[in-house]
Amino acid sequence: MLLKIFTDGGSRGNPGPAASGAVIQSASGETITHVSKYLGRTTNNQAEYTAIIIGLKKARELGATTVQVYMDSELACKQLNGEYRVKDPEIAKRFLEIKNVMHDFTRVTFTHVRREKNKEADAIVNRCLDAQHC
């Protein structure tokens, strides 16, 4: 089963209060569910990576075998696609967690999208930040 995941992470200040969110859609683009997580004080990049992790784990729970991950973080996308190296030790931990979770799927792709195409995930992150819990 193919699922699409739209992810976003954000921090108010960098570092600052941060949250991650992921929207899970069917292959046809219908929203199935979403997940979010308040992270406390951390960086925007850490929040972006955490969003990918929680999205992949939710897709796994839903029985996905193939996932297409869409994100507005060009850095994370290029790192996950092997175009850029991961230098930050904290990001490296999350990078490895993503790579480990990927083994649970037949295929995982990472695609950069413009912010306008990621509004639903962005809204989930902002609601979580406003509430300071998810």
N, C-alpha and C. Protein backbone atom coordinates (compact mmCIF):
# COMPACT_ATOMS: atom_id res chain seq x y z
N MET A 1 0.85 -1.18 0.00
CA MET A 1 0.00 0.00 0.00
C MET A 1 0.90 1.25 0.00
N LEU A 2 0.56 2.18 -0.87
CA LEU A 2 1.29 3.44 -0.97
C LEU A 2 0.63 4.51 -0.11
N LEU A 3 1.43 5.19 0.69
CA LEU A 3 0.97 6.36 1.43
C LEU A 3 1.89 7.52 1.15
N LYS A 4 1.32 8.72 1.16
CA LYS A 4 2.08 9.96 1.02
C LYS A 4 2.17 10.61 2.39
N ILE A 5 3.34 11.14 2.71
CA ILE A 5 3.54 11.81 3.99
C ILE A 5 4.06 13.22 3.71
N PHE A 6 3.36 14.21 4.23
CA PHE A 6 3.82 15.60 4.16
C PHE A 6 4.29 15.98 5.55
N THR A 7 5.57 16.38 5.67
CA THR A 7 6.14 16.65 6.98
C THR A 7 6.58 18.10 7.11
N ASP A 8 6.58 18.58 8.35
CA ASP A 8 7.11 19.90 8.63
C ASP A 8 7.54 19.95 10.08
N GLY A 9 8.53 20.76 10.33
CA GLY A 9 9.00 21.01 11.69
C GLY A 9 9.27 22.48 11.81
N GLY A 10 9.12 22.99 13.01
CA GLY A 10 9.37 24.41 13.20
C GLY A 10 9.78 24.72 14.61
N SER A 11 10.55 25.78 14.73
CA SER A 11 10.90 26.29 16.07
C SER A 11 10.73 27.80 16.05
N ARG A 12 10.28 28.31 17.15
CA ARG A 12 10.11 29.76 17.30
C ARG A 12 11.35 30.27 18.01
N GLY A 13 12.29 30.71 17.19
CA GLY A 13 13.64 30.96 17.66
C GLY A 13 14.43 29.75 17.20
N ASN A 14 15.72 29.88 17.07
CA ASN A 14 16.48 28.74 16.57
C ASN A 14 17.80 28.63 17.33
N PRO A 15 17.84 27.91 18.47
CA PRO A 15 16.78 27.04 18.98
C PRO A 15 15.69 27.83 19.72
N GLY A 16 14.58 27.15 19.90
CA GLY A 16 13.44 27.70 20.61
C GLY A 16 12.38 26.63 20.77
N PRO A 17 11.20 27.01 21.27
CA PRO A 17 10.11 26.05 21.37
C PRO A 17 9.84 25.45 19.98
N ALA A 18 9.77 24.13 19.90
CA ALA A 18 9.68 23.47 18.60
C ALA A 18 8.64 22.37 18.59
N ALA A 19 8.17 22.07 17.38
CA ALA A 19 7.19 20.99 17.19
C ALA A 19 7.38 20.39 15.81
N SER A 20 6.87 19.18 15.66
CA SER A 20 6.93 18.46 14.39
C SER A 20 5.54 17.97 14.04
N GLY A 21 5.27 17.87 12.74
CA GLY A 21 3.98 17.37 12.30
C GLY A 21 4.09 16.63 10.99
N ALA A 22 3.19 15.70 10.78
CA ALA A 22 3.14 14.94 9.53
C ALA A 22 1.69 14.65 9.18
N VAL A 23 1.38 14.82 7.91
CA VAL A 23 0.05 14.51 7.37
C VAL A 23 0.19 13.26 6.52
N ILE A 24 -0.65 12.28 6.79
CA ILE A 24 -0.62 11.01 6.06
C ILE A 24 -1.79 11.02 5.08
N GLN A 25 -1.46 10.79 3.80
CA GLN A 25 -2.48 10.78 2.76
C GLN A 25 -2.47 9.45 2.02
N SER A 26 -3.62 9.12 1.45
CA SER A 26 -3.72 7.95 0.59
C SER A 26 -2.99 8.25 -0.72
N ALA A 27 -2.86 7.24 -1.55
CA ALA A 27 -2.21 7.42 -2.85
C ALA A 27 -2.94 8.45 -3.70
N SER A 28 -4.25 8.58 -3.49
CA SER A 28 -5.04 9.53 -4.27
C SER A 28 -5.01 10.95 -3.69
N GLY A 29 -4.35 11.12 -2.53
CA GLY A 29 -4.22 12.45 -1.95
C GLY A 29 -5.24 12.79 -0.89
N GLU A 30 -6.02 11.81 -0.46
CA GLU A 30 -7.00 12.05 0.60
C GLU A 30 -6.30 11.94 1.96
N THR A 31 -6.50 12.94 2.83
CA THR A 31 -5.88 12.91 4.15
C THR A 31 -6.52 11.80 4.98
N ILE A 32 -5.68 10.93 5.50
CA ILE A 32 -6.13 9.81 6.34
C ILE A 32 -6.03 10.21 7.82
N THR A 33 -4.89 10.74 8.20
CA THR A 33 -4.66 11.13 9.59
C THR A 33 -3.46 12.07 9.64
N HIS A 34 -3.17 12.54 10.82
CA HIS A 34 -1.96 13.33 11.03
C HIS A 34 -1.41 13.02 12.42
N VAL A 35 -0.13 13.33 12.59
CA VAL A 35 0.54 13.17 13.88
C VAL A 35 1.35 14.42 14.14
N SER A 36 1.52 14.73 15.42
CA SER A 36 2.34 15.88 15.79
C SER A 36 3.00 15.60 17.13
N LYS A 37 4.05 16.37 17.40
CA LYS A 37 4.79 16.16 18.63
C LYS A 37 5.42 17.48 19.05
N TYR A 38 5.17 17.88 20.30
CA TYR A 38 5.84 19.05 20.85
C TYR A 38 7.20 18.61 21.36
N LEU A 39 8.25 19.35 21.00
CA LEU A 39 9.62 18.92 21.29
C LEU A 39 10.30 19.70 22.39
N GLY A 40 9.69 20.78 22.86
CA GLY A 40 10.40 21.63 23.80
C GLY A 40 11.38 22.50 23.04
N ARG A 41 12.49 22.83 23.67
CA ARG A 41 13.47 23.73 23.05
C ARG A 41 14.46 22.93 22.19
N THR A 42 14.45 23.22 20.89
CA THR A 42 15.38 22.59 19.96
C THR A 42 15.46 23.42 18.70
N THR A 43 16.20 22.94 17.72
CA THR A 43 16.38 23.69 16.47
C THR A 43 15.34 23.31 15.43
N ASN A 44 15.22 24.16 14.44
CA ASN A 44 14.32 23.91 13.33
C ASN A 44 14.70 22.63 12.59
N ASN A 45 15.99 22.43 12.35
CA ASN A 45 16.41 21.21 11.63
C ASN A 45 16.09 19.95 12.40
N GLN A 46 16.24 19.98 13.71
CA GLN A 46 15.89 18.81 14.52
C GLN A 46 14.38 18.56 14.44
N ALA A 47 13.60 19.63 14.43
CA ALA A 47 12.14 19.48 14.31
C ALA A 47 11.75 18.91 12.95
N GLU A 48 12.45 19.33 11.89
CA GLU A 48 12.17 18.80 10.54
C GLU A 48 12.44 17.29 10.50
N TYR A 49 13.56 16.87 11.05
CA TYR A 49 13.91 15.45 11.05
C TYR A 49 12.94 14.64 11.92
N THR A 50 12.55 15.18 13.06
CA THR A 50 11.60 14.47 13.92
C THR A 50 10.26 14.29 13.21
N ALA A 51 9.86 15.27 12.43
CA ALA A 51 8.60 15.17 11.67
C ALA A 51 8.65 13.98 10.71
N ILE A 52 9.78 13.80 10.06
CA ILE A 52 9.93 12.68 9.13
C ILE A 52 9.84 11.36 9.89
N ILE A 53 10.47 11.29 11.05
CA ILE A 53 10.45 10.07 11.86
C ILE A 53 9.03 9.72 12.29
N ILE A 54 8.31 10.71 12.84
CA ILE A 54 6.95 10.39 13.33
C ILE A 54 6.02 10.07 12.17
N GLY A 55 6.25 10.68 11.01
CA GLY A 55 5.44 10.37 9.84
C GLY A 55 5.68 8.95 9.34
N LEU A 56 6.95 8.57 9.26
CA LEU A 56 7.27 7.21 8.81
C LEU A 56 6.72 6.16 9.79
N LYS A 57 6.85 6.42 11.07
CA LYS A 57 6.35 5.46 12.06
C LYS A 57 4.83 5.32 11.97
N LYS A 58 4.13 6.42 11.74
CA LYS A 58 2.68 6.35 11.60
C LYS A 58 2.30 5.59 10.33
N ALA A 59 3.01 5.83 9.24
CA ALA A 59 2.73 5.11 7.99
C ALA A 59 2.96 3.61 8.17
N ARG A 60 3.99 3.27 8.92
CA ARG A 60 4.27 1.86 9.22
C ARG A 60 3.10 1.25 10.00
N GLU A 61 2.60 1.97 11.01
CA GLU A 61 1.45 1.49 11.79
C GLU A 61 0.23 1.26 10.91
N LEU A 62 0.09 2.10 9.88
CA LEU A 62 -1.07 2.01 8.99
C LEU A 62 -0.90 0.93 7.92
N GLY A 63 0.26 0.27 7.89
CA GLY A 63 0.47 -0.83 6.97
C GLY A 63 1.06 -0.46 5.62
N ALA A 64 1.63 0.72 5.51
CA ALA A 64 2.23 1.13 4.24
C ALA A 64 3.42 0.25 3.90
N THR A 65 3.58 -0.03 2.62
CA THR A 65 4.77 -0.73 2.14
C THR A 65 5.65 0.22 1.33
N THR A 66 5.03 1.22 0.74
CA THR A 66 5.73 2.24 -0.04
C THR A 66 5.29 3.60 0.48
N VAL A 67 6.26 4.49 0.70
CA VAL A 67 5.90 5.84 1.14
C VAL A 67 6.65 6.87 0.30
N GLN A 68 5.93 7.94 0.03
CA GLN A 68 6.51 9.11 -0.62
C GLN A 68 6.47 10.22 0.41
N VAL A 69 7.64 10.71 0.81
CA VAL A 69 7.73 11.74 1.83
C VAL A 69 8.00 13.07 1.15
N TYR A 70 7.16 14.06 1.46
CA TYR A 70 7.28 15.40 0.90
C TYR A 70 7.58 16.36 2.04
N MET A 71 8.55 17.27 1.81
CA MET A 71 8.93 18.21 2.86
C MET A 71 9.37 19.52 2.24
N ASP A 72 9.24 20.60 3.02
CA ASP A 72 9.72 21.88 2.52
C ASP A 72 11.13 22.19 3.02
N SER A 73 11.76 21.27 3.71
CA SER A 73 13.16 21.43 4.13
C SER A 73 14.06 20.88 3.03
N GLU A 74 14.63 21.78 2.25
CA GLU A 74 15.53 21.36 1.18
C GLU A 74 16.77 20.68 1.74
N LEU A 75 17.27 21.17 2.88
CA LEU A 75 18.45 20.58 3.50
C LEU A 75 18.20 19.12 3.87
N ALA A 76 17.12 18.85 4.60
CA ALA A 76 16.81 17.48 5.01
C ALA A 76 16.61 16.59 3.79
N CYS A 77 15.91 17.09 2.80
CA CYS A 77 15.66 16.30 1.59
C CYS A 77 16.98 15.93 0.90
N LYS A 78 17.86 16.89 0.74
CA LYS A 78 19.14 16.62 0.07
C LYS A 78 20.03 15.71 0.91
N GLN A 79 19.96 15.83 2.22
CA GLN A 79 20.74 14.93 3.07
C GLN A 79 20.20 13.50 2.96
N LEU A 80 18.90 13.35 3.02
CA LEU A 80 18.30 12.01 2.96
C LEU A 80 18.46 11.36 1.59
N ASN A 81 18.59 12.18 0.55
CA ASN A 81 18.81 11.65 -0.80
C ASN A 81 20.29 11.49 -1.12
N GLY A 82 21.16 11.75 -0.14
CA GLY A 82 22.58 11.53 -0.32
C GLY A 82 23.32 12.62 -1.08
N GLU A 83 22.67 13.76 -1.30
CA GLU A 83 23.32 14.86 -2.02
C GLU A 83 24.21 15.69 -1.11
N TYR A 84 23.83 15.81 0.18
CA TYR A 84 24.61 16.54 1.17
C TYR A 84 24.96 15.60 2.31
N ARG A 85 26.12 15.81 2.91
CA ARG A 85 26.51 15.05 4.10
C ARG A 85 25.83 15.64 5.33
N VAL A 86 25.64 14.80 6.32
CA VAL A 86 25.12 15.24 7.63
C VAL A 86 26.32 15.46 8.52
N LYS A 87 26.49 16.69 8.99
CA LYS A 87 27.65 17.02 9.82
C LYS A 87 27.29 17.17 11.30
N ASP A 88 26.09 17.65 11.59
CA ASP A 88 25.67 17.89 12.97
C ASP A 88 25.41 16.56 13.67
N PRO A 89 26.05 16.33 14.84
CA PRO A 89 25.88 15.04 15.54
C PRO A 89 24.44 14.74 15.95
N GLU A 90 23.68 15.74 16.35
CA GLU A 90 22.29 15.49 16.75
C GLU A 90 21.42 15.15 15.55
N ILE A 91 21.65 15.81 14.44
CA ILE A 91 20.92 15.49 13.21
C ILE A 91 21.33 14.10 12.73
N ALA A 92 22.60 13.75 12.89
CA ALA A 92 23.07 12.43 12.47
C ALA A 92 22.31 11.32 13.19
N LYS A 93 21.99 11.52 14.46
CA LYS A 93 21.21 10.51 15.20
C LYS A 93 19.84 10.33 14.58
N ARG A 94 19.19 11.43 14.24
CA ARG A 94 17.86 11.35 13.64
C ARG A 94 17.94 10.77 12.22
N PHE A 95 18.98 11.15 11.49
CA PHE A 95 19.22 10.62 10.16
C PHE A 95 19.30 9.09 10.21
N LEU A 96 20.07 8.56 11.15
CA LEU A 96 20.21 7.11 11.29
C LEU A 96 18.89 6.46 11.71
N GLU A 97 18.12 7.14 12.55
CA GLU A 97 16.81 6.59 12.93
C GLU A 97 15.90 6.49 11.71
N ILE A 98 15.93 7.51 10.86
CA ILE A 98 15.13 7.46 9.63
C ILE A 98 15.58 6.30 8.76
N LYS A 99 16.88 6.17 8.57
CA LYS A 99 17.41 5.08 7.73
C LYS A 99 17.00 3.72 8.29
N ASN A 100 16.98 3.57 9.61
CA ASN A 100 16.55 2.31 10.22
C ASN A 100 15.07 2.03 10.00
N VAL A 101 14.24 3.06 10.14
CA VAL A 101 12.80 2.88 9.93
C VAL A 101 12.51 2.57 8.46
N MET A 102 13.33 3.11 7.56
CA MET A 102 13.12 2.87 6.13
C MET A 102 13.18 1.38 5.78
N HIS A 103 13.89 0.59 6.57
CA HIS A 103 14.00 -0.86 6.31
C HIS A 103 12.65 -1.57 6.44
N ASP A 104 11.68 -0.91 7.09
CA ASP A 104 10.35 -1.51 7.25
C ASP A 104 9.48 -1.36 6.01
N PHE A 105 9.99 -0.67 4.99
CA PHE A 105 9.22 -0.40 3.78
C PHE A 105 9.94 -0.98 2.56
N THR A 106 9.17 -1.26 1.52
CA THR A 106 9.75 -1.71 0.26
C THR A 106 10.45 -0.55 -0.44
N ARG A 107 9.84 0.64 -0.38
CA ARG A 107 10.38 1.81 -1.05
C ARG A 107 10.00 3.08 -0.30
N VAL A 108 10.98 3.99 -0.16
CA VAL A 108 10.76 5.30 0.45
C VAL A 108 11.44 6.34 -0.44
N THR A 109 10.70 7.38 -0.80
CA THR A 109 11.29 8.48 -1.56
C THR A 109 11.12 9.77 -0.78
N PHE A 110 12.05 10.69 -1.00
CA PHE A 110 12.02 12.00 -0.34
C PHE A 110 12.01 13.07 -1.42
N THR A 111 11.02 13.96 -1.35
CA THR A 111 10.85 15.00 -2.35
C THR A 111 10.68 16.35 -1.69
N HIS A 112 11.41 17.33 -2.19
CA HIS A 112 11.27 18.70 -1.69
C HIS A 112 10.07 19.35 -2.38
N VAL A 113 9.23 20.02 -1.59
CA VAL A 113 8.09 20.78 -2.13
C VAL A 113 8.17 22.21 -1.60
N ARG A 114 7.60 23.10 -2.35
CA ARG A 114 7.54 24.49 -1.91
C ARG A 114 6.60 24.60 -0.71
N ARG A 115 6.83 25.59 0.08
CA ARG A 115 6.05 25.81 1.30
C ARG A 115 4.55 25.82 1.04
N GLU A 116 4.14 26.38 -0.09
CA GLU A 116 2.71 26.47 -0.42
C GLU A 116 2.07 25.09 -0.57
N LYS A 117 2.85 24.11 -0.91
CA LYS A 117 2.34 22.74 -1.09
C LYS A 117 2.34 21.96 0.22
N ASN A 118 2.77 22.60 1.30
CA ASN A 118 2.92 21.91 2.58
C ASN A 118 2.14 22.60 3.69
N LYS A 119 1.08 23.29 3.33
CA LYS A 119 0.33 24.11 4.29
C LYS A 119 -0.33 23.30 5.40
N GLU A 120 -0.82 22.12 5.09
CA GLU A 120 -1.51 21.31 6.10
C GLU A 120 -0.55 20.88 7.21
N ALA A 121 0.63 20.42 6.83
CA ALA A 121 1.63 20.02 7.83
C ALA A 121 2.09 21.24 8.63
N ASP A 122 2.29 22.36 7.97
CA ASP A 122 2.69 23.60 8.65
C ASP A 122 1.64 24.01 9.68
N ALA A 123 0.38 23.91 9.33
CA ALA A 123 -0.70 24.28 10.26
C ALA A 123 -0.71 23.38 11.50
N ILE A 124 -0.44 22.10 11.30
CA ILE A 124 -0.39 21.16 12.43
C ILE A 124 0.74 21.55 13.39
N VAL A 125 1.90 21.90 12.84
CA VAL A 125 3.04 22.31 13.66
C VAL A 125 2.67 23.57 14.45
N ASN A 126 2.06 24.54 13.80
CA ASN A 126 1.73 25.78 14.50
C ASN A 126 0.67 25.59 15.58
N ARG A 127 -0.31 24.73 15.33
CA ARG A 127 -1.30 24.43 16.39
C ARG A 127 -0.63 23.78 17.57
N CYS A 128 0.28 22.87 17.31
CA CYS A 128 1.01 22.19 18.38
C CYS A 128 1.86 23.18 19.16
N LEU A 129 2.55 24.08 18.47
CA LEU A 129 3.36 25.09 19.14
C LEU A 129 2.51 26.02 19.99
N ASP A 130 1.35 26.42 19.45
CA ASP A 130 0.46 27.31 20.20
C ASP A 130 -0.02 26.67 21.49
N ALA A 131 -0.29 25.36 21.43
CA ALA A 131 -0.78 24.63 22.59
C ALA A 131 0.38 24.16 23.50
N GLN A 132 1.58 24.12 22.96
CA GLN A 132 2.77 23.61 23.63
C GLN A 132 2.61 22.16 24.11
N HIS A 133 1.80 21.44 23.42
CA HIS A 133 1.65 19.99 23.56
C HIS A 133 0.81 19.53 22.38
N CYS A 134 0.85 18.26 22.07
CA CYS A 134 0.09 17.77 20.91
C CYS A 134 -0.73 16.56 21.30
